[in-house]
N, C-alpha and C. Protein backbone atom coordinates (compact mmCIF):
# COMPACT_ATOMS: atom_id res chain seq x y z
N MET A 1 -14.71 -8.40 1.78
CA MET A 1 -14.12 -7.29 1.07
C MET A 1 -13.50 -7.85 -0.22
N SER A 2 -13.78 -7.21 -1.31
CA SER A 2 -13.20 -7.63 -2.57
C SER A 2 -12.64 -6.41 -3.29
N GLY A 3 -11.79 -6.66 -4.24
CA GLY A 3 -11.19 -5.57 -5.01
C GLY A 3 -10.09 -6.08 -5.90
N ASN A 4 -9.58 -5.22 -6.72
CA ASN A 4 -8.49 -5.59 -7.62
C ASN A 4 -7.18 -5.68 -6.84
N LEU A 5 -6.31 -6.59 -7.29
CA LEU A 5 -5.02 -6.77 -6.64
C LEU A 5 -4.10 -5.58 -6.90
N LEU A 6 -3.39 -5.14 -5.86
CA LEU A 6 -2.37 -4.11 -6.05
C LEU A 6 -1.11 -4.77 -6.58
N HIS A 7 -0.34 -4.03 -7.35
CA HIS A 7 0.93 -4.52 -7.87
C HIS A 7 1.95 -3.39 -7.80
N VAL A 8 3.16 -3.65 -8.25
CA VAL A 8 4.26 -2.69 -8.13
C VAL A 8 3.92 -1.33 -8.75
N ASN A 9 3.24 -1.29 -9.86
CA ASN A 9 2.97 -0.02 -10.53
C ASN A 9 1.61 0.60 -10.18
N ALA A 10 0.93 0.08 -9.17
CA ALA A 10 -0.30 0.71 -8.70
C ALA A 10 0.05 2.07 -8.11
N THR A 11 -0.82 3.04 -8.30
CA THR A 11 -0.58 4.38 -7.76
C THR A 11 -1.26 4.50 -6.40
N VAL A 12 -0.43 4.63 -5.36
CA VAL A 12 -0.91 4.77 -3.99
C VAL A 12 -0.28 6.03 -3.41
N THR A 13 -1.09 6.86 -2.74
CA THR A 13 -0.58 8.08 -2.12
C THR A 13 -0.98 8.13 -0.65
N CYS A 14 -0.29 8.98 0.10
CA CYS A 14 -0.71 9.25 1.47
C CYS A 14 -1.81 10.32 1.41
N PRO A 15 -2.51 10.58 2.51
CA PRO A 15 -3.60 11.56 2.47
C PRO A 15 -3.12 12.99 2.21
N HIS A 16 -1.81 13.22 2.25
CA HIS A 16 -1.26 14.56 2.06
C HIS A 16 -0.56 14.71 0.72
N GLY A 17 -0.70 13.71 -0.16
CA GLY A 17 -0.16 13.81 -1.51
C GLY A 17 1.18 13.15 -1.73
N GLY A 18 1.77 12.56 -0.70
CA GLY A 18 3.05 11.86 -0.86
C GLY A 18 2.87 10.60 -1.69
N GLN A 19 3.87 10.24 -2.48
CA GLN A 19 3.81 9.08 -3.37
C GLN A 19 4.37 7.84 -2.67
N ALA A 20 3.59 6.75 -2.67
CA ALA A 20 4.04 5.49 -2.07
C ALA A 20 4.72 4.62 -3.13
N THR A 21 5.80 3.95 -2.71
CA THR A 21 6.54 3.05 -3.59
C THR A 21 6.60 1.69 -2.92
N LEU A 22 6.29 0.66 -3.70
CA LEU A 22 6.30 -0.72 -3.19
C LEU A 22 7.64 -1.37 -3.42
N LEU A 23 8.19 -1.98 -2.37
CA LEU A 23 9.37 -2.83 -2.47
C LEU A 23 8.86 -4.26 -2.33
N PRO A 24 8.68 -5.00 -3.43
CA PRO A 24 8.04 -6.32 -3.34
C PRO A 24 8.93 -7.35 -2.67
N SER A 25 8.30 -8.26 -1.93
CA SER A 25 9.03 -9.34 -1.28
C SER A 25 9.05 -10.60 -2.15
N GLN A 26 8.31 -10.59 -3.24
CA GLN A 26 8.26 -11.74 -4.14
C GLN A 26 8.19 -11.26 -5.58
N SER A 27 8.59 -12.11 -6.49
CA SER A 27 8.53 -11.75 -7.92
C SER A 27 7.95 -12.88 -8.76
N ARG A 28 7.36 -13.88 -8.14
CA ARG A 28 6.83 -15.03 -8.88
C ARG A 28 5.39 -14.84 -9.35
N VAL A 29 4.57 -14.18 -8.54
CA VAL A 29 3.16 -13.99 -8.88
C VAL A 29 2.99 -12.59 -9.45
N LEU A 30 2.49 -12.53 -10.70
CA LEU A 30 2.41 -11.27 -11.41
C LEU A 30 0.97 -10.94 -11.81
N ALA A 31 0.68 -9.65 -11.89
CA ALA A 31 -0.58 -9.15 -12.46
C ALA A 31 -0.17 -8.09 -13.47
N THR A 32 -0.59 -8.26 -14.69
CA THR A 32 -0.19 -7.42 -15.82
C THR A 32 1.33 -7.26 -15.88
N GLY A 33 2.04 -8.35 -15.61
CA GLY A 33 3.49 -8.37 -15.72
C GLY A 33 4.24 -7.77 -14.55
N GLN A 34 3.55 -7.38 -13.48
CA GLN A 34 4.18 -6.74 -12.32
C GLN A 34 3.94 -7.58 -11.07
N PRO A 35 4.92 -7.64 -10.14
CA PRO A 35 4.71 -8.40 -8.90
C PRO A 35 3.51 -7.90 -8.11
N VAL A 36 2.73 -8.83 -7.61
CA VAL A 36 1.54 -8.53 -6.81
C VAL A 36 1.98 -8.14 -5.40
N ALA A 37 1.30 -7.15 -4.80
CA ALA A 37 1.62 -6.69 -3.45
C ALA A 37 1.09 -7.65 -2.40
N THR A 38 1.89 -7.87 -1.34
CA THR A 38 1.48 -8.72 -0.22
C THR A 38 1.70 -7.98 1.10
N LEU A 39 1.20 -8.57 2.16
CA LEU A 39 1.35 -8.00 3.50
C LEU A 39 2.82 -7.92 3.91
N ALA A 40 3.67 -8.77 3.35
CA ALA A 40 5.10 -8.79 3.70
C ALA A 40 5.89 -7.68 3.00
N ASP A 41 5.31 -7.01 2.04
CA ASP A 41 6.02 -5.98 1.28
C ASP A 41 6.20 -4.70 2.10
N VAL A 42 7.17 -3.90 1.68
CA VAL A 42 7.43 -2.62 2.32
C VAL A 42 6.95 -1.51 1.39
N TYR A 43 6.11 -0.63 1.92
CA TYR A 43 5.66 0.56 1.20
C TYR A 43 6.34 1.77 1.83
N THR A 44 7.13 2.49 1.05
CA THR A 44 7.73 3.73 1.55
C THR A 44 7.01 4.91 0.89
N VAL A 45 6.93 6.03 1.63
CA VAL A 45 6.25 7.22 1.14
C VAL A 45 7.26 8.36 1.05
N THR A 46 7.27 9.05 -0.09
CA THR A 46 8.13 10.22 -0.26
C THR A 46 7.27 11.40 -0.72
N GLY A 47 7.71 12.59 -0.37
CA GLY A 47 7.03 13.80 -0.83
C GLY A 47 5.88 14.26 0.04
N CYS A 48 5.70 13.68 1.24
CA CYS A 48 4.65 14.12 2.14
C CYS A 48 5.18 15.31 2.94
N ALA A 49 4.40 16.38 2.99
CA ALA A 49 4.83 17.60 3.68
C ALA A 49 3.96 17.90 4.90
N PHE A 50 3.38 16.88 5.50
CA PHE A 50 2.47 17.09 6.64
C PHE A 50 3.25 17.64 7.84
N ALA A 51 2.84 18.80 8.36
CA ALA A 51 3.50 19.45 9.50
C ALA A 51 2.46 20.08 10.42
N PRO A 52 1.73 19.26 11.22
CA PRO A 52 0.72 19.83 12.11
C PRO A 52 1.38 20.54 13.29
N GLY A 53 0.96 21.72 13.59
CA GLY A 53 1.47 22.43 14.76
C GLY A 53 2.94 22.78 14.70
N GLY A 54 3.52 22.83 13.51
CA GLY A 54 4.91 23.24 13.38
C GLY A 54 5.93 22.12 13.35
N LYS A 55 5.63 20.95 13.96
CA LYS A 55 6.58 19.84 13.94
C LYS A 55 6.29 18.96 12.72
N PRO A 56 7.22 18.84 11.80
CA PRO A 56 6.99 17.98 10.63
C PRO A 56 6.75 16.53 11.04
N GLN A 57 5.69 15.96 10.54
CA GLN A 57 5.36 14.55 10.77
C GLN A 57 4.98 13.90 9.45
N PRO A 58 5.86 13.96 8.45
CA PRO A 58 5.48 13.40 7.15
C PRO A 58 5.30 11.88 7.19
N CYS A 59 4.42 11.41 6.34
CA CYS A 59 4.22 9.98 6.18
C CYS A 59 5.48 9.40 5.54
N VAL A 60 5.98 8.28 6.08
CA VAL A 60 7.17 7.65 5.52
C VAL A 60 6.94 6.19 5.16
N THR A 61 5.87 5.60 5.68
CA THR A 61 5.60 4.19 5.40
C THR A 61 4.10 3.93 5.48
N ILE A 62 3.68 2.80 4.90
CA ILE A 62 2.29 2.35 5.01
C ILE A 62 2.28 0.99 5.67
N GLN A 63 1.45 0.86 6.69
CA GLN A 63 1.23 -0.42 7.35
C GLN A 63 -0.17 -0.89 6.99
N TRP A 64 -0.26 -1.99 6.23
CA TRP A 64 -1.57 -2.50 5.84
C TRP A 64 -2.16 -3.27 7.01
N VAL A 65 -3.41 -2.99 7.35
CA VAL A 65 -4.07 -3.57 8.51
C VAL A 65 -5.00 -4.71 8.11
N THR A 66 -5.73 -4.52 7.01
CA THR A 66 -6.70 -5.53 6.56
C THR A 66 -6.38 -5.93 5.12
N PRO A 67 -5.60 -7.01 4.94
CA PRO A 67 -5.31 -7.49 3.59
C PRO A 67 -6.45 -8.39 3.08
N ALA A 68 -6.22 -9.03 1.97
CA ALA A 68 -7.21 -9.97 1.42
C ALA A 68 -7.42 -11.12 2.40
N GLY A 69 -8.65 -11.58 2.50
CA GLY A 69 -8.95 -12.67 3.41
C GLY A 69 -8.75 -14.05 2.79
N ARG A 70 -8.86 -14.15 1.48
CA ARG A 70 -8.80 -15.45 0.82
C ARG A 70 -7.61 -15.63 -0.12
N ILE A 71 -7.02 -14.57 -0.59
CA ILE A 71 -5.94 -14.66 -1.57
C ILE A 71 -4.59 -14.58 -0.86
N LYS A 72 -3.77 -15.60 -1.07
CA LYS A 72 -2.41 -15.60 -0.52
C LYS A 72 -1.41 -15.74 -1.66
N VAL A 73 -0.29 -15.06 -1.52
CA VAL A 73 0.80 -15.12 -2.49
C VAL A 73 2.03 -15.58 -1.73
N ASN A 74 2.51 -16.78 -2.06
CA ASN A 74 3.65 -17.38 -1.35
C ASN A 74 3.41 -17.39 0.16
N GLY A 75 2.18 -17.68 0.58
CA GLY A 75 1.83 -17.78 1.99
C GLY A 75 1.48 -16.46 2.66
N GLN A 76 1.60 -15.33 1.97
CA GLN A 76 1.29 -14.02 2.53
C GLN A 76 -0.02 -13.50 1.95
N PRO A 77 -0.86 -12.86 2.77
CA PRO A 77 -2.10 -12.28 2.23
C PRO A 77 -1.79 -11.19 1.20
N ALA A 78 -2.55 -11.18 0.12
CA ALA A 78 -2.40 -10.16 -0.92
C ALA A 78 -3.03 -8.85 -0.45
N ILE A 79 -2.59 -7.75 -1.07
CA ILE A 79 -3.17 -6.44 -0.79
C ILE A 79 -4.11 -6.10 -1.94
N LEU A 80 -5.33 -5.71 -1.58
CA LEU A 80 -6.35 -5.37 -2.57
C LEU A 80 -6.58 -3.86 -2.60
N GLN A 81 -7.24 -3.41 -3.64
CA GLN A 81 -7.61 -2.00 -3.75
C GLN A 81 -8.47 -1.59 -2.56
N SER A 82 -9.24 -2.50 -2.02
CA SER A 82 -10.12 -2.21 -0.89
C SER A 82 -9.49 -2.49 0.47
N SER A 83 -8.23 -2.91 0.51
CA SER A 83 -7.55 -3.19 1.79
C SER A 83 -7.40 -1.91 2.61
N VAL A 84 -7.42 -2.08 3.92
CA VAL A 84 -7.30 -0.95 4.84
C VAL A 84 -5.86 -0.85 5.31
N GLY A 85 -5.33 0.37 5.28
CA GLY A 85 -3.97 0.60 5.74
C GLY A 85 -3.86 1.91 6.50
N LEU A 86 -2.70 2.13 7.11
CA LEU A 86 -2.41 3.37 7.82
C LEU A 86 -1.07 3.92 7.35
N CYS A 87 -1.06 5.17 6.97
CA CYS A 87 0.20 5.85 6.69
C CYS A 87 0.78 6.25 8.05
N GLN A 88 2.10 6.09 8.20
CA GLN A 88 2.73 6.37 9.48
C GLN A 88 3.93 7.29 9.31
N SER A 89 4.18 8.10 10.34
CA SER A 89 5.37 8.95 10.36
C SER A 89 6.57 8.10 10.79
N ALA A 90 7.75 8.71 10.82
CA ALA A 90 8.95 8.00 11.25
C ALA A 90 8.83 7.54 12.70
N GLU A 91 8.01 8.23 13.49
CA GLU A 91 7.79 7.85 14.89
C GLU A 91 6.64 6.86 15.04
N ARG A 92 6.15 6.34 13.93
CA ARG A 92 5.05 5.38 13.87
C ARG A 92 3.72 5.97 14.31
N ILE A 93 3.56 7.28 14.15
CA ILE A 93 2.30 7.95 14.48
C ILE A 93 1.38 7.84 13.26
N PRO A 94 0.17 7.29 13.43
CA PRO A 94 -0.76 7.18 12.30
C PRO A 94 -1.11 8.56 11.74
N GLN A 95 -1.08 8.67 10.40
CA GLN A 95 -1.34 9.95 9.75
C GLN A 95 -2.59 9.91 8.86
N GLY A 96 -3.23 8.76 8.76
CA GLY A 96 -4.42 8.64 7.94
C GLY A 96 -4.30 7.47 6.98
N PRO A 97 -5.39 7.15 6.29
CA PRO A 97 -5.39 6.01 5.38
C PRO A 97 -4.73 6.34 4.04
N PRO A 98 -4.08 5.35 3.42
CA PRO A 98 -3.54 5.56 2.08
C PRO A 98 -4.67 5.62 1.06
N LEU A 99 -4.42 6.27 -0.05
CA LEU A 99 -5.39 6.38 -1.13
C LEU A 99 -4.88 5.58 -2.32
N VAL A 100 -5.64 4.60 -2.75
CA VAL A 100 -5.29 3.82 -3.94
C VAL A 100 -5.93 4.55 -5.11
N VAL A 101 -5.09 5.19 -5.93
CA VAL A 101 -5.56 6.04 -7.01
C VAL A 101 -5.77 5.25 -8.29
N MET A 102 -4.81 4.37 -8.62
CA MET A 102 -4.90 3.61 -9.86
C MET A 102 -4.34 2.21 -9.63
N VAL A 103 -5.03 1.21 -10.17
CA VAL A 103 -4.63 -0.19 -10.00
C VAL A 103 -5.00 -0.94 -11.27
N GLN A 104 -4.34 -2.07 -11.49
CA GLN A 104 -4.66 -2.89 -12.67
C GLN A 104 -6.10 -3.38 -12.57
N GLN A 105 -6.74 -3.64 -13.70
CA GLN A 105 -8.16 -3.97 -13.74
C GLN A 105 -8.46 -5.43 -14.10
N ARG A 106 -7.43 -6.27 -14.22
CA ARG A 106 -7.66 -7.63 -14.69
C ARG A 106 -7.86 -8.66 -13.58
N ALA A 107 -7.07 -8.58 -12.50
CA ALA A 107 -7.13 -9.60 -11.46
C ALA A 107 -7.76 -9.03 -10.19
N ALA A 108 -8.78 -9.74 -9.69
CA ALA A 108 -9.47 -9.30 -8.47
C ALA A 108 -9.47 -10.44 -7.47
N GLY A 109 -9.73 -10.12 -6.22
CA GLY A 109 -9.76 -11.14 -5.17
C GLY A 109 -10.63 -10.71 -4.01
N GLN A 110 -10.68 -11.59 -3.00
CA GLN A 110 -11.42 -11.30 -1.77
C GLN A 110 -10.55 -11.54 -0.57
């Protein structure tokens, strides 16, 4: 799997339109001047209004399942545009895959 590296200003959403925000765990490795995303980072989701069957189950976080296989940042696997993740509710119920809408185009990895 290959793809461009995600960074702090990459646009990532949940499948229901909520906006994901990256809280980086490192600030030494940069792509276009922004910290590169790693498996150790926290992605929070705001603005998801998913309510199946009447009980609200909005996406609140993203758990990345398949990060980069070869690229590590400070010992942690990097997150690529092609990485697989799961959006989760507060109860850790999977809500679907995140959508990477926009990412920097200069640095890529596998």
